[in-house]
Amino acid sequence: MAQAYAEETGHDRDEPGPARSRAERLKDHGRRLIDGWRGREVWRRGLVVAGFAVLLALLMILHAQIPNNVGNLGSLLETFLPWIGMVGIPILLVCALVRRSATALVALLMPVIVWLNLFGGLLTSKSGSGGDLTVVSHNVNADNADPASTAKDVAASGAQVVALEEVTGDAAPTYERELKSAYPYHTIQGTVGLWSTYPIKDARIVDIQMGWSRALRATVAAPKGEVAVYVAHLPSVRVKFNAGFTAGQRDDSARALGAAIRAERLERVILLGDLNGTVNDRALAPVTSQLRSAQGAAGDGFGFSWPASFPMARIDQILVRGVEPVSAWTLPDTGSDHLPVAASVNF
């Protein structure tokens, strides 16, 4: 009779070999990764990613050539120009690595070099110490729920000169009261104000063609000499789907402000304010071509000031002529939608 079941001895099947060590598995994984970057295919893959890298570089190089006559696209791009590289380059880098494309990695060097040429100087601090005069500019927000607290924060900066924008009629007495002890001299013209530890004279409105007062000019008698201080709040800009970057009124006001600064007779000039644009924006050239950015000359980093919750652009400016920037920085959040910006200068 045939035997129905054979006795299992354990020798009829292949037994599994010894478990591979973690080090061996990692070694094999690394070998496969290296093999994926060998051969001619690494130069053939990722041509689309490489093309986008070249376009990104050209976009940053030729930003001044992008026309403003269609939705002010040039100004919109220049407002957020640093972010074009800070966001675009990492995305393209990930795509190049995923595609295992040597061509894309080489092409990516172009936007990296262009971005570093444009903004690399801002990655290191140029701030010095001391200074003959420290100034602060702050858009306090017309809807500020606690102007007294904001005023105290500004006064705690220790600046000798403070400029405030969006000072409403209801909040003005609060700012005057809270800043009085630290700043015995002040002037408010419309919705902008100037406070100083040194005497202020010749204060007057500067017409920036808005129909109401959002700019002033005054002489501050500092110990080492007089300085003309301008405080300005240029019109707001909006990004609209059907109209693009609506900056026409701001651009007109920038030209008017530039004309006023051009006519200034004092050698030393400091402009403080919310210009609703960055120094890269060509539309502000009537102003920025005459003055020097304290942040660009002596700042620590980009100095983004807006919005306060996640700063993405420096639209609050301290621009100077006839004085030497020593340091520039942003102050902590005060409850406004803007961060205060500060600078120290030497006469």
Foldseek 3Di string as FASTA:
>chain_A
DDDPDDDDPPPPDDDDDDDDDPVVVVVVVVVVLVVLLDDPVLAVWDPVLLVVLLVLLCCLVCLVVPDCPAQHVSQVCLQQVLVSCVPVLVVSVVVSSVRSHPSNVVSNVRNVVSSCVVCVVQQAFQFFDDFQFKEKEEAQALPQPCVLLLLLQVLVVVGQKYKYFNADPVNVVSNCVNCCVSFVEKDDAFGMIMTGVFHKDPKDFQDLPPPGGFKIWIWGQGPVGIAIEIEGEADAWDADPVRHIPCVRLLSSLLSVLVVVVPDDDQKYKYWYQSNGALSRVSNCSPSVQWAFLCVQGERHQQFWAQLVDGRGNRTTITIGNWAWNYKHWDHDRRGRTTMIMTHIYD
